[in-house]
């Protein structure tokens, strides 16, 4: 995308930009399964799942998560 094209996009109303992003995402989605997942990401997911299985009650509630995120600001 050129700078000129990006400037055009940024001049669109927010609602239109959201629809534009959805269109872009929809064009990417069919090929998303062709993107390789790095081994480091797979290992991290495995570690997180093992941690969850070891102590499922340690998950934060939605409220706790929101408070945690808000306290970082």
PDB file of N, CA and C in Angstrom:
ATOM      1  N   UNK A   1       0.849  -1.178   0.000  1.00  0.00           N
ATOM      2  CA  UNK A   1       0.000   0.000   0.000  1.00  0.00           C
ATOM      3  C   UNK A   1       0.888   1.233   0.000  1.00  0.00           C
ATOM      4  N   UNK A   2       0.562   2.144  -0.840  1.00  0.00           N
ATOM      5  CA  UNK A   2       1.351   3.366  -0.926  1.00  0.00           C
ATOM      6  C   UNK A   2       0.914   4.345   0.164  1.00  0.00           C
ATOM      7  N   UNK A   3       1.740   5.349   0.384  1.00  0.00           N
ATOM      8  CA  UNK A   3       1.405   6.380   1.363  1.00  0.00           C
ATOM      9  C   UNK A   3       0.100   7.070   0.975  1.00  0.00           C
ATOM     10  N   UNK A   4      -0.056   7.334  -0.311  1.00  0.00           N
ATOM     11  CA  UNK A   4      -1.268   7.990  -0.795  1.00  0.00           C
ATOM     12  C   UNK A   4      -2.501   7.135  -0.512  1.00  0.00           C
ATOM     13  N   UNK A   5      -2.397   5.832  -0.746  1.00  0.00           N
ATOM     14  CA  UNK A   5      -3.529   4.934  -0.471  1.00  0.00           C
ATOM     15  C   UNK A   5      -3.839   4.903   1.021  1.00  0.00           C
ATOM     16  N   UNK A   6      -2.799   4.891   1.837  1.00  0.00           N
ATOM     17  CA  UNK A   6      -3.003   4.869   3.283  1.00  0.00           C
ATOM     18  C   UNK A   6      -3.663   6.156   3.747  1.00  0.00           C
ATOM     19  N   UNK A   7      -3.258   7.275   3.181  1.00  0.00           N
ATOM     20  CA  UNK A   7      -3.894   8.545   3.541  1.00  0.00           C
ATOM     21  C   UNK A   7      -5.379   8.523   3.188  1.00  0.00           C
ATOM     22  N   UNK A   8      -5.716   7.910   2.068  1.00  0.00           N
ATOM     23  CA  UNK A   8      -7.116   7.788   1.661  1.00  0.00           C
ATOM     24  C   UNK A   8      -7.890   6.951   2.674  1.00  0.00           C
ATOM     25  N   UNK A   9      -7.307   5.853   3.092  1.00  0.00           N
ATOM     26  CA  UNK A   9      -7.961   4.987   4.082  1.00  0.00           C
ATOM     27  C   UNK A   9      -8.168   5.751   5.385  1.00  0.00           C
ATOM     28  N   UNK A  10      -7.164   6.479   5.826  1.00  0.00           N
ATOM     29  CA  UNK A  10      -7.265   7.195   7.096  1.00  0.00           C
ATOM     30  C   UNK A  10      -8.284   8.330   7.057  1.00  0.00           C
ATOM     31  N   UNK A  11      -8.634   8.781   5.878  1.00  0.00           N
ATOM     32  CA  UNK A  11      -9.651   9.826   5.752  1.00  0.00           C
ATOM     33  C   UNK A  11     -11.068   9.258   5.791  1.00  0.00           C
ATOM     34  N   UNK A  12     -11.194   7.952   5.668  1.00  0.00           N
ATOM     35  CA  UNK A  12     -12.522   7.323   5.713  1.00  0.00           C
ATOM     36  C   UNK A  12     -13.101   7.462   7.122  1.00  0.00           C
ATOM     37  N   UNK A  13     -14.427   7.512   7.226  1.00  0.00           N
ATOM     38  CA  UNK A  13     -15.043   7.472   8.561  1.00  0.00           C
ATOM     39  C   UNK A  13     -14.669   6.143   9.245  1.00  0.00           C
ATOM     40  N   UNK A  14     -14.624   6.173  10.551  1.00  0.00           N
ATOM     41  CA  UNK A  14     -14.224   4.979  11.317  1.00  0.00           C
ATOM     42  C   UNK A  14     -15.060   3.768  10.943  1.00  0.00           C
ATOM     43  N   UNK A  15     -16.350   3.955  10.803  1.00  0.00           N
ATOM     44  CA  UNK A  15     -17.227   2.824  10.471  1.00  0.00           C
ATOM     45  C   UNK A  15     -16.796   2.174   9.152  1.00  0.00           C
ATOM     46  N   UNK A  16     -16.445   3.001   8.173  1.00  0.00           N
ATOM     47  CA  UNK A  16     -16.028   2.478   6.867  1.00  0.00           C
ATOM     48  C   UNK A  16     -14.679   1.779   6.969  1.00  0.00           C
ATOM     49  N   UNK A  17     -13.778   2.334   7.796  1.00  0.00           N
ATOM     50  CA  UNK A  17     -12.469   1.682   7.972  1.00  0.00           C
ATOM     51  C   UNK A  17     -12.616   0.319   8.621  1.00  0.00           C
ATOM     52  N   UNK A  18     -13.541   0.209   9.561  1.00  0.00           N
ATOM     53  CA  UNK A  18     -13.786  -1.091  10.202  1.00  0.00           C
ATOM     54  C   UNK A  18     -14.257  -2.101   9.164  1.00  0.00           C
ATOM     55  N   UNK A  19     -15.188  -1.689   8.319  1.00  0.00           N
ATOM     56  CA  UNK A  19     -15.668  -2.583   7.264  1.00  0.00           C
ATOM     57  C   UNK A  19     -14.538  -2.940   6.306  1.00  0.00           C
ATOM     58  N   UNK A  20     -13.673  -1.974   6.009  1.00  0.00           N
ATOM     59  CA  UNK A  20     -12.535  -2.218   5.120  1.00  0.00           C
ATOM     60  C   UNK A  20     -11.591  -3.251   5.736  1.00  0.00           C
ATOM     61  N   UNK A  21     -11.314  -3.107   7.026  1.00  0.00           N
ATOM     62  CA  UNK A  21     -10.443  -4.069   7.712  1.00  0.00           C
ATOM     63  C   UNK A  21     -11.083  -5.457   7.706  1.00  0.00           C
ATOM     64  N   UNK A  22     -12.380  -5.521   7.913  1.00  0.00           N
ATOM     65  CA  UNK A  22     -13.072  -6.810   7.852  1.00  0.00           C
ATOM     66  C   UNK A  22     -12.917  -7.440   6.468  1.00  0.00           C
ATOM     67  N   UNK A  23     -13.028  -6.631   5.439  1.00  0.00           N
ATOM     68  CA  UNK A  23     -12.848  -7.139   4.074  1.00  0.00           C
ATOM     69  C   UNK A  23     -11.433  -7.664   3.867  1.00  0.00           C
ATOM     70  N   UNK A  24     -10.462  -6.919   4.377  1.00  0.00           N
ATOM     71  CA  UNK A  24      -9.062  -7.365   4.257  1.00  0.00           C
ATOM     72  C   UNK A  24      -8.887  -8.688   4.999  1.00  0.00           C
ATOM     73  N   UNK A  25      -9.395  -8.762   6.227  1.00  0.00           N
ATOM     74  CA  UNK A  25      -9.263  -9.993   7.011  1.00  0.00           C
ATOM     75  C   UNK A  25      -9.935 -11.167   6.305  1.00  0.00           C
ATOM     76  N   UNK A  26     -11.119 -10.936   5.753  1.00  0.00           N
ATOM     77  CA  UNK A  26     -11.824 -12.008   5.034  1.00  0.00           C
ATOM     78  C   UNK A  26     -11.019 -12.492   3.833  1.00  0.00           C
ATOM     79  N   UNK A  27     -10.235 -11.600   3.230  1.00  0.00           N
ATOM     80  CA  UNK A  27      -9.419 -12.015   2.088  1.00  0.00           C
ATOM     81  C   UNK A  27      -8.201 -12.824   2.532  1.00  0.00           C
ATOM     82  N   UNK A  28      -7.791 -12.667   3.789  1.00  0.00           N
ATOM     83  CA  UNK A  28      -6.626 -13.377   4.323  1.00  0.00           C
ATOM     84  C   UNK A  28      -7.017 -14.737   4.886  1.00  0.00           C
ATOM     85  N   UNK A  29      -8.175 -14.793   5.507  1.00  0.00           N
ATOM     86  CA  UNK A  29      -8.603 -15.985   6.244  1.00  0.00           C
ATOM     87  C   UNK A  29      -8.474 -17.297   5.469  1.00  0.00           C
ATOM     88  N   UNK A  30      -8.873 -17.376   4.183  1.00  0.00           N
ATOM     89  CA  UNK A  30      -8.776 -18.671   3.493  1.00  0.00           C
ATOM     90  C   UNK A  30      -7.351 -19.243   3.426  1.00  0.00           C
ATOM     91  N   UNK A  31      -6.354 -18.394   3.400  1.00  0.00           N
ATOM     92  CA  UNK A  31      -4.975 -18.880   3.321  1.00  0.00           C
ATOM     93  C   UNK A  31      -4.263 -18.927   4.659  1.00  0.00           C
ATOM     94  N   UNK A  32      -4.979 -18.595   5.745  1.00  0.00           N
ATOM     95  CA  UNK A  32      -4.341 -18.513   7.064  1.00  0.00           C
ATOM     96  C   UNK A  32      -3.750 -19.844   7.511  1.00  0.00           C
ATOM     97  N   UNK A  33      -4.374 -20.955   7.127  1.00  0.00           N
ATOM     98  CA  UNK A  33      -3.853 -22.260   7.554  1.00  0.00           C
ATOM     99  C   UNK A  33      -2.573 -22.638   6.820  1.00  0.00           C
ATOM    100  N   UNK A  34      -2.185 -21.849   5.833  1.00  0.00           N
ATOM    101  CA  UNK A  34      -0.943 -22.109   5.106  1.00  0.00           C
ATOM    102  C   UNK A  34       0.257 -21.433   5.763  1.00  0.00           C
ATOM    103  N   UNK A  35      -0.005 -20.568   6.744  1.00  0.00           N
ATOM    104  CA  UNK A  35       1.076 -19.883   7.439  1.00  0.00           C
ATOM    105  C   UNK A  35       1.616 -20.816   8.515  1.00  0.00           C
ATOM    106  N   UNK A  36       2.901 -21.131   8.470  1.00  0.00           N
ATOM    107  CA  UNK A  36       3.443 -22.049   9.467  1.00  0.00           C
ATOM    108  C   UNK A  36       3.480 -21.421  10.860  1.00  0.00           C
ATOM    109  N   UNK A  37       3.177 -22.222  11.859  1.00  0.00           N
ATOM    110  CA  UNK A  37       3.244 -21.771  13.254  1.00  0.00           C
ATOM    111  C   UNK A  37       4.642 -22.111  13.761  1.00  0.00           C
ATOM    112  N   UNK A  38       5.374 -21.121  14.262  1.00  0.00           N
ATOM    113  CA  UNK A  38       6.726 -21.392  14.759  1.00  0.00           C
ATOM    114  C   UNK A  38       6.712 -22.413  15.898  1.00  0.00           C
ATOM    115  N   UNK A  39       7.718 -23.217  15.944  1.00  0.00           N
ATOM    116  CA  UNK A  39       7.822 -24.246  16.978  1.00  0.00           C
ATOM    117  C   UNK A  39       7.805 -23.625  18.375  1.00  0.00           C
ATOM    118  N   UNK A  40       8.403 -22.446  18.520  1.00  0.00           N
ATOM    119  CA  UNK A  40       8.421 -21.779  19.824  1.00  0.00           C
ATOM    120  C   UNK A  40       7.005 -21.430  20.285  1.00  0.00           C
ATOM    121  N   UNK A  41       6.125 -21.089  19.353  1.00  0.00           N
ATOM    122  CA  UNK A  41       4.742 -20.786  19.712  1.00  0.00           C
ATOM    123  C   UNK A  41       4.011 -22.052  20.149  1.00  0.00           C
ATOM    124  N   UNK A  42       4.252 -23.137  19.447  1.00  0.00           N
ATOM    125  CA  UNK A  42       3.631 -24.405  19.819  1.00  0.00           C
ATOM    126  C   UNK A  42       4.061 -24.830  21.220  1.00  0.00           C
ATOM    127  N   UNK A  43       5.360 -24.681  21.510  1.00  0.00           N
ATOM    128  CA  UNK A  43       5.874 -25.046  22.834  1.00  0.00           C
ATOM    129  C   UNK A  43       5.248 -24.182  23.919  1.00  0.00           C
ATOM    130  N   UNK A  44       5.122 -22.885  23.641  1.00  0.00           N
ATOM    131  CA  UNK A  44       4.513 -21.984  24.621  1.00  0.00           C
ATOM    132  C   UNK A  44       3.060 -22.363  24.885  1.00  0.00           C
ATOM    133  N   UNK A  45       2.314 -22.688  23.840  1.00  0.00           N
ATOM    134  CA  UNK A  45       0.927 -23.125  24.022  1.00  0.00           C
ATOM    135  C   UNK A  45       0.858 -24.413  24.834  1.00  0.00           C
ATOM    136  N   UNK A  46       1.758 -25.344  24.550  1.00  0.00           N
ATOM    137  CA  UNK A  46       1.793 -26.593  25.319  1.00  0.00           C
ATOM    138  C   UNK A  46       2.065 -26.321  26.797  1.00  0.00           C
ATOM    139  N   UNK A  47       3.030 -25.426  27.073  1.00  0.00           N
ATOM    140  CA  UNK A  47       3.351 -25.082  28.463  1.00  0.00           C
ATOM    141  C   UNK A  47       2.164 -24.442  29.176  1.00  0.00           C
ATOM    142  N   UNK A  48       1.498 -23.553  28.496  1.00  0.00           N
ATOM    143  CA  UNK A  48       0.342 -22.884  29.102  1.00  0.00           C
ATOM    144  C   UNK A  48      -0.797 -23.869  29.353  1.00  0.00           C
ATOM    145  N   UNK A  49      -0.997 -24.803  28.428  1.00  0.00           N
ATOM    146  CA  UNK A  49      -2.062 -25.786  28.607  1.00  0.00           C
ATOM    147  C   UNK A  49      -1.727 -26.722  29.768  1.00  0.00           C
ATOM    148  N   UNK A  50      -0.471 -27.123  29.875  1.00  0.00           N
ATOM    149  CA  UNK A  50      -0.047 -27.972  30.994  1.00  0.00           C
ATOM    150  C   UNK A  50      -0.250 -27.244  32.322  1.00  0.00           C
ATOM    151  N   UNK A  51       0.081 -25.957  32.352  1.00  0.00           N
ATOM    152  CA  UNK A  51      -0.102 -25.153  33.566  1.00  0.00           C
ATOM    153  C   UNK A  51      -1.580 -25.086  33.930  1.00  0.00           C
ATOM    154  N   UNK A  52      -2.423 -24.886  32.936  1.00  0.00           N
ATOM    155  CA  UNK A  52      -3.869 -24.851  33.179  1.00  0.00           C
ATOM    156  C   UNK A  52      -4.354 -26.206  33.705  1.00  0.00           C
ATOM    157  N   UNK A  53      -3.924 -27.300  33.082  1.00  0.00           N
ATOM    158  CA  UNK A  53      -4.370 -28.625  33.502  1.00  0.00           C
ATOM    159  C   UNK A  53      -3.933 -28.933  34.932  1.00  0.00           C
ATOM    160  N   UNK A  54      -2.770 -28.426  35.321  1.00  0.00           N
ATOM    161  CA  UNK A  54      -2.273 -28.679  36.672  1.00  0.00           C
ATOM    162  C   UNK A  54      -3.083 -27.928  37.729  1.00  0.00           C
ATOM    163  N   UNK A  55      -3.656 -26.773  37.343  1.00  0.00           N
ATOM    164  CA  UNK A  55      -4.393 -25.984  38.311  1.00  0.00           C
ATOM    165  C   UNK A  55      -5.452 -25.132  37.614  1.00  0.00           C
ATOM    166  N   UNK A  56      -6.548 -25.746  37.154  1.00  0.00           N
ATOM    167  CA  UNK A  56      -7.570 -25.003  36.414  1.00  0.00           C
ATOM    168  C   UNK A  56      -8.210 -23.878  37.229  1.00  0.00           C
ATOM    169  N   UNK A  57      -8.222 -24.010  38.535  1.00  0.00           N
ATOM    170  CA  UNK A  57      -8.860 -22.985  39.368  1.00  0.00           C
ATOM    171  C   UNK A  57      -8.019 -21.715  39.470  1.00  0.00           C
ATOM    172  N   UNK A  58      -6.806 -21.732  38.956  1.00  0.00           N
ATOM    173  CA  UNK A  58      -5.940 -20.553  39.020  1.00  0.00           C
ATOM    174  C   UNK A  58      -6.278 -19.516  37.951  1.00  0.00           C
ATOM    175  N   UNK A  59      -7.220 -19.846  37.077  1.00  0.00           N
ATOM    176  CA  UNK A  59      -7.606 -18.889  36.047  1.00  0.00           C
ATOM    177  C   UNK A  59      -8.245 -17.663  36.680  1.00  0.00           C
ATOM    178  N   UNK A  60      -8.035 -16.515  36.071  1.00  0.00           N
ATOM    179  CA  UNK A  60      -8.655 -15.289  36.539  1.00  0.00           C
ATOM    180  C   UNK A  60     -10.103 -15.222  36.051  1.00  0.00           C
ATOM    181  N   UNK A  61     -10.940 -14.618  36.870  1.00  0.00           N
ATOM    182  CA  UNK A  61     -12.294 -14.351  36.411  1.00  0.00           C
ATOM    183  C   UNK A  61     -12.218 -13.177  35.435  1.00  0.00           C
ATOM    184  N   UNK A  62     -13.308 -12.932  34.714  1.00  0.00           N
ATOM    185  CA  UNK A  62     -13.327 -11.800  33.786  1.00  0.00           C
ATOM    186  C   UNK A  62     -13.061 -10.494  34.538  1.00  0.00           C
ATOM    187  N   UNK A  63     -13.666 -10.355  35.699  1.00  0.00           N
ATOM    188  CA  UNK A  63     -13.468  -9.138  36.500  1.00  0.00           C
ATOM    189  C   UNK A  63     -12.010  -8.986  36.925  1.00  0.00           C
ATOM    190  N   UNK A  64     -11.407 -10.065  37.400  1.00  0.00           N
ATOM    191  CA  UNK A  64     -10.008 -10.019  37.822  1.00  0.00           C
ATOM    192  C   UNK A  64      -9.098  -9.643  36.652  1.00  0.00           C
ATOM    193  N   UNK A  65      -9.386 -10.203  35.490  1.00  0.00           N
ATOM    194  CA  UNK A  65      -8.578  -9.900  34.313  1.00  0.00           C
ATOM    195  C   UNK A  65      -8.683  -8.417  33.957  1.00  0.00           C
ATOM    196  N   UNK A  66      -9.907  -7.887  33.945  1.00  0.00           N
ATOM    197  CA  UNK A  66     -10.104  -6.475  33.630  1.00  0.00           C
ATOM    198  C   UNK A  66      -9.390  -5.581  34.638  1.00  0.00           C
ATOM    199  N   UNK A  67      -9.468  -5.940  35.921  1.00  0.00           N
ATOM    200  CA  UNK A  67      -8.786  -5.140  36.952  1.00  0.00           C
ATOM    201  C   UNK A  67      -7.276  -5.204  36.773  1.00  0.00           C
ATOM    202  N   UNK A  68      -6.767  -6.364  36.417  1.00  0.00           N
ATOM    203  CA  UNK A  68      -5.336  -6.521  36.201  1.00  0.00           C
ATOM    204  C   UNK A  68      -4.858  -5.670  35.038  1.00  0.00           C
ATOM    205  N   UNK A  69      -5.619  -5.684  33.956  1.00  0.00           N
ATOM    206  CA  UNK A  69      -5.263  -4.886  32.771  1.00  0.00           C
ATOM    207  C   UNK A  69      -5.355  -3.400  33.103  1.00  0.00           C
ATOM    208  N   UNK A  70      -6.411  -3.002  33.804  1.00  0.00           N
ATOM    209  CA  UNK A  70      -6.607  -1.594  34.146  1.00  0.00           C
ATOM    210  C   UNK A  70      -5.500  -1.078  35.057  1.00  0.00           C
ATOM    211  N   UNK A  71      -4.989  -1.938  35.927  1.00  0.00           N
ATOM    212  CA  UNK A  71      -3.944  -1.495  36.855  1.00  0.00           C
ATOM    213  C   UNK A  71      -2.605  -1.268  36.175  1.00  0.00           C
ATOM    214  N   UNK A  72      -2.451  -1.771  34.967  1.00  0.00           N
ATOM    215  CA  UNK A  72      -1.194  -1.601  34.224  1.00  0.00           C
ATOM    216  C   UNK A  72      -1.111  -0.253  33.527  1.00  0.00           C
ATOM    217  N   UNK A  73      -2.212   0.439  33.433  1.00  0.00           N
ATOM    218  CA  UNK A  73      -2.240   1.719  32.718  1.00  0.00           C
ATOM    219  C   UNK A  73      -1.692   2.833  33.524  1.00  0.00           C
TER     220      UNK A  73
END
